[in-house]
C-alpha atoms as a PDB file:
ATOM      1  CA  MET A   1      -5.793  -8.398   8.392  1.00  0.00           C
ATOM      2  CA  VAL A   2      -4.015  -7.038  11.405  1.00  0.00           C
ATOM      3  CA  LYS A   3      -1.526 -10.366  11.570  1.00  0.00           C
ATOM      4  CA  GLU A   4      -1.033  -9.319   7.849  1.00  0.00           C
ATOM      5  CA  LEU A   5      -0.510  -5.992   7.949  1.00  0.00           C
ATOM      6  CA  PHE A   6       2.222  -6.504  10.541  1.00  0.00           C
ATOM      7  CA  LEU A   7       3.992  -8.946   8.586  1.00  0.00           C
ATOM      8  CA  VAL A   8       4.099  -7.087   5.980  1.00  0.00           C
ATOM      9  CA  GLY A   9       5.732  -3.997   8.136  1.00  0.00           C
ATOM     10  CA  LEU A  10       8.206  -6.225   9.683  1.00  0.00           C
ATOM     11  CA  GLY A  11       9.142  -7.852   6.451  1.00  0.00           C
ATOM     12  CA  GLY A  12       9.416  -4.288   4.626  1.00  0.00           C
ATOM     13  CA  GLY A  13      11.591  -2.667   7.720  1.00  0.00           C
ATOM     14  CA  ILE A  14      14.030  -5.720   7.433  1.00  0.00           C
ATOM     15  CA  GLY A  15      14.011  -5.350   3.759  1.00  0.00           C
ATOM     16  CA  SER A  16      14.605  -1.390   4.034  1.00  0.00           C
ATOM     17  CA  MET A  17      17.494  -1.349   6.491  1.00  0.00           C
ATOM     18  CA  LEU A  18      19.362  -4.172   4.244  1.00  0.00           C
ATOM     19  CA  ARG A  19      18.622  -2.186   1.280  1.00  0.00           C
ATOM     20  CA  TYR A  20      19.895   1.070   2.583  1.00  0.00           C
ATOM     21  CA  LEU A  21      23.188  -1.086   4.194  1.00  0.00           C
ATOM     22  CA  SER A  22      23.511  -2.856   0.626  1.00  0.00           C
ATOM     23  CA  VAL A  23      23.279   0.404  -1.284  1.00  0.00           C
ATOM     24  CA  PHE A  24      25.546   2.056   0.776  1.00  0.00           C
ATOM     25  CA  LEU A  25      28.135  -0.147   0.819  1.00  0.00           C
ATOM     26  CA  GLY A  26      27.950  -1.244  -3.293  1.00  0.00           C
ATOM     27  CA  ASN A  27      28.342   2.374  -3.595  1.00  0.00           C
ATOM     28  CA  LYS A  28      31.330   2.654  -1.601  1.00  0.00           C
ATOM     29  CA  LEU A  29      32.887  -0.105  -2.841  1.00  0.00           C
ATOM     30  CA  PHE A  30      32.320   0.934  -6.679  1.00  0.00           C
ATOM     31  CA  PRO A  31      32.204   4.604  -6.871  1.00  0.00           C
ATOM     32  CA  ILE A  32      31.315   5.308 -10.521  1.00  0.00           C
ATOM     33  CA  ALA A  33      28.959   6.974 -12.483  1.00  0.00           C
ATOM     34  CA  PHE A  34      26.968   3.452 -12.176  1.00  0.00           C
ATOM     35  CA  PRO A  35      24.509   3.171  -9.478  1.00  0.00           C
ATOM     36  CA  ALA A  36      26.303  -0.348  -8.294  1.00  0.00           C
ATOM     37  CA  GLY A  37      24.520  -0.515  -5.057  1.00  0.00           C
ATOM     38  CA  THR A  38      21.021  -0.331  -6.404  1.00  0.00           C
ATOM     39  CA  PHE A  39      21.852  -3.071  -9.491  1.00  0.00           C
ATOM     40  CA  PHE A  40      23.259  -4.681  -6.855  1.00  0.00           C
ATOM     41  CA  VAL A  41      19.904  -4.617  -4.446  1.00  0.00           C
ATOM     42  CA  ASN A  42      17.603  -5.233  -7.321  1.00  0.00           C
ATOM     43  CA  VAL A  43      19.553  -8.099  -8.814  1.00  0.00           C
ATOM     44  CA  LEU A  44      19.865  -9.857  -5.590  1.00  0.00           C
ATOM     45  CA  GLY A  45      15.747  -9.107  -4.420  1.00  0.00           C
ATOM     46  CA  CYS A  46      15.058 -10.598  -7.777  1.00  0.00           C
ATOM     47  CA  LEU A  47      16.931 -13.822  -6.944  1.00  0.00           C
ATOM     48  CA  ILE A  48      15.429 -13.825  -3.715  1.00  0.00           C
ATOM     49  CA  LEU A  49      12.037 -13.446  -5.012  1.00  0.00           C
ATOM     50  CA  GLY A  50      12.800 -16.272  -7.706  1.00  0.00           C
ATOM     51  CA  LEU A  51      13.675 -18.887  -4.462  1.00  0.00           C
ATOM     52  CA  LEU A  52      10.783 -17.783  -2.687  1.00  0.00           C
ATOM     53  CA  ILE A  53       8.492 -18.291  -5.739  1.00  0.00           C
ATOM     54  CA  GLY A  54       9.874 -21.452  -6.270  1.00  0.00           C
ATOM     55  CA  LEU A  55       9.663 -22.643  -2.459  1.00  0.00           C
ATOM     56  CA  ILE A  56       6.106 -22.015  -2.812  1.00  0.00           C
ATOM     57  CA  GLU A  57       5.379 -23.628  -6.343  1.00  0.00           C
ATOM     58  CA  HIS A  58       7.810 -26.324  -6.073  1.00  0.00           C
ATOM     59  CA  ARG A  59       7.993 -27.421  -2.832  1.00  0.00           C
ATOM     60  CA  GLN A  60       4.891 -25.862  -1.206  1.00  0.00           C
ATOM     61  CA  ILE A  61       7.161 -24.901   2.345  1.00  0.00           C
ATOM     62  CA  LEU A  62       5.956 -21.389   2.779  1.00  0.00           C
ATOM     63  CA  SER A  63       2.616 -20.488   4.362  1.00  0.00           C
ATOM     64  CA  VAL A  64       0.655 -17.517   3.323  1.00  0.00           C
ATOM     65  CA  SER A  65       1.949 -15.637   6.634  1.00  0.00           C
ATOM     66  CA  HIS A  66       5.058 -16.517   5.189  1.00  0.00           C
ATOM     67  CA  ARG A  67       3.877 -15.232   1.784  1.00  0.00           C
ATOM     68  CA  PHE A  68       3.609 -11.876   3.695  1.00  0.00           C
ATOM     69  CA  LEU A  69       6.533 -11.586   5.843  1.00  0.00           C
ATOM     70  CA  PHE A  70       9.031 -12.287   2.791  1.00  0.00           C
ATOM     71  CA  ILE A  71       7.537 -11.870  -0.480  1.00  0.00           C
ATOM     72  CA  THR A  72       5.347  -8.435   0.010  1.00  0.00           C
ATOM     73  CA  GLY A  73       7.145  -7.608   2.996  1.00  0.00           C
ATOM     74  CA  PHE A  74      10.911  -8.391   2.637  1.00  0.00           C
ATOM     75  CA  CYS A  75      11.036  -8.320  -1.248  1.00  0.00           C
ATOM     76  CA  GLY A  76       9.068  -5.466  -1.582  1.00  0.00           C
ATOM     77  CA  GLY A  77      11.487  -3.388   1.228  1.00  0.00           C
ATOM     78  CA  PHE A  78      14.284  -4.558  -0.298  1.00  0.00           C
ATOM     79  CA  THR A  79      14.031  -4.006  -3.946  1.00  0.00           C
ATOM     80  CA  THR A  80      14.119  -0.181  -5.329  1.00  0.00           C
ATOM     81  CA  PHE A  81      12.373   0.012  -8.060  1.00  0.00           C
ATOM     82  CA  SER A  82      11.386   3.558  -7.358  1.00  0.00           C
ATOM     83  CA  ALA A  83      15.196   4.544  -6.700  1.00  0.00           C
ATOM     84  CA  PHE A  84      16.550   2.729 -10.181  1.00  0.00           C
ATOM     85  CA  SER A  85      13.701   5.000 -11.731  1.00  0.00           C
ATOM     86  CA  ALA A  86      15.118   8.112 -10.393  1.00  0.00           C
ATOM     87  CA  GLU A  87      18.779   7.088 -11.001  1.00  0.00           C
ATOM     88  CA  SER A  88      17.616   6.375 -14.369  1.00  0.00           C
ATOM     89  CA  LEU A  89      16.198   9.864 -15.088  1.00  0.00           C
ATOM     90  CA  ARG A  90      19.093  11.202 -13.478  1.00  0.00           C
ATOM     91  CA  MET A  91      21.583  10.050 -15.951  1.00  0.00           C
ATOM     92  CA  PHE A  92      19.107  11.408 -18.680  1.00  0.00           C
ATOM     93  CA  GLU A  93      18.838  14.715 -17.502  1.00  0.00           C
ATOM     94  CA  ASN A  94      22.582  14.773 -16.953  1.00  0.00           C
ATOM     95  CA  GLY A  95      22.948  13.886 -20.943  1.00  0.00           C
ATOM     96  CA  ASN A  96      24.435  10.773 -19.826  1.00  0.00           C
ATOM     97  CA  ALA A  97      21.847   8.737 -22.248  1.00  0.00           C
ATOM     98  CA  PRO A  98      24.047   5.783 -22.953  1.00  0.00           C
ATOM     99  CA  LEU A  99      24.755   5.211 -19.658  1.00  0.00           C
ATOM    100  CA  GLY A 100      20.844   5.092 -18.570  1.00  0.00           C
ATOM    101  CA  ILE A 101      19.618   2.773 -21.743  1.00  0.00           C
ATOM    102  CA  THR A 102      22.461   0.749 -20.173  1.00  0.00           C
ATOM    103  CA  TYR A 103      21.635   0.818 -17.046  1.00  0.00           C
ATOM    104  CA  ILE A 104      17.733   0.441 -17.566  1.00  0.00           C
ATOM    105  CA  GLY A 105      18.572  -2.578 -20.456  1.00  0.00           C
ATOM    106  CA  VAL A 106      20.894  -4.378 -17.861  1.00  0.00           C
ATOM    107  CA  SER A 107      18.880  -4.027 -14.966  1.00  0.00           C
ATOM    108  CA  ILE A 108      15.704  -5.935 -16.348  1.00  0.00           C
ATOM    109  CA  LEU A 109      17.685  -7.918 -18.196  1.00  0.00           C
ATOM    110  CA  ALA A 110      19.781  -9.356 -14.503  1.00  0.00           C
ATOM    111  CA  GLY A 111      16.506  -9.142 -12.875  1.00  0.00           C
ATOM    112  CA  LEU A 112      14.506 -11.075 -15.525  1.00  0.00           C
ATOM    113  CA  LEU A 113      17.404 -14.173 -14.927  1.00  0.00           C
ATOM    114  CA  ALA A 114      17.698 -13.465 -11.485  1.00  0.00           C
ATOM    115  CA  VAL A 115      14.359 -14.674 -10.679  1.00  0.00           C
ATOM    116  CA  ARG A 116      14.048 -17.251 -13.634  1.00  0.00           C
ATOM    117  CA  LEU A 117      17.353 -18.372 -11.783  1.00  0.00           C
ATOM    118  CA  GLY A 118      15.593 -18.683  -8.266  1.00  0.00           C
ATOM    119  CA  ILE A 119      12.720 -20.804  -9.693  1.00  0.00           C
ATOM    120  CA  TYR A 120      15.004 -23.053 -11.718  1.00  0.00           C
ATOM    121  CA  LEU A 121      17.697 -23.657  -8.587  1.00  0.00           C
ATOM    122  CA  LEU A 122      14.182 -25.051  -6.292  1.00  0.00           C
ATOM    123  CA  LYS A 123      12.996 -26.907  -8.883  1.00  0.00           C
END
């Protein structure tokens, strides 16, 4: 249990730091009302998760320890569902429901497609 907690914490810390940098850079590069940095991180995180699932299911490469480090830790720390939810709610509260609905729909669709792509690439 201690080893697993350490691996989850290590992966989560790395994922969180990379998320911060990615969102910061994404928002600097695309200074628009649409939260491009969070969108990019969530889609990329879904792709990485799909690739990791593909490595587990189709290639049997990752051990249980790797799953804790990369899937639970890194992907959990890297993706930003809570930020996604808060940004979506903010759009509705600011009277921009069309952008909020677009952001939610595009994020979910792109996330699903990215996970599927990741699994497909490692079949």
